[in-house]
């Protein structure tokens, strides 16, 4: 199968144009601003996965357990950044999301991975997701898997769901 690179990451974030205040003394976008662009992945997580106000009112949230960032190409002043995301894996208590930042020529310039834990806020500990949330996330993962594999090594791992 031949995949269009950006379609491998089915959730499309909002494009961002690099401004002068985002640039550091090296003349390229500062890593803290790149990380902020990757935070758009949470819009995906809250809308699609169910980590929303209702879930929080029920006493559940998610905590970041581990992040990994890689930078392949710099972003310069006035360049436009195109973020894309994918649910890579999920189990009863954790999910693994990946993201990329493309330039206007569809080159992957930065890669991001995060492992998130489903948290029972009354205990402030990792807890199993309710079955409806897990089933929803498994459906999303299946849909995202059909879009193709990322064209680079995935560094973070979670235990696969027990079948």
Foldseek 3Di string as FASTA:
>chain_A
DDADQQLLQPAWDDKDFAAPVQADPVQFGDPVVVVVSVVSVVVVCCPQLVQHPVCVVVQKHKDWDDKDKDFAATHHHGWMKIKGKAFAADAFFKTKIKMFIATPVRDTGMIMIIIMTIARNVVRDTDGDPPVSVVSSVVRNVVSVVNDDNPDDDDDDDDHYDD
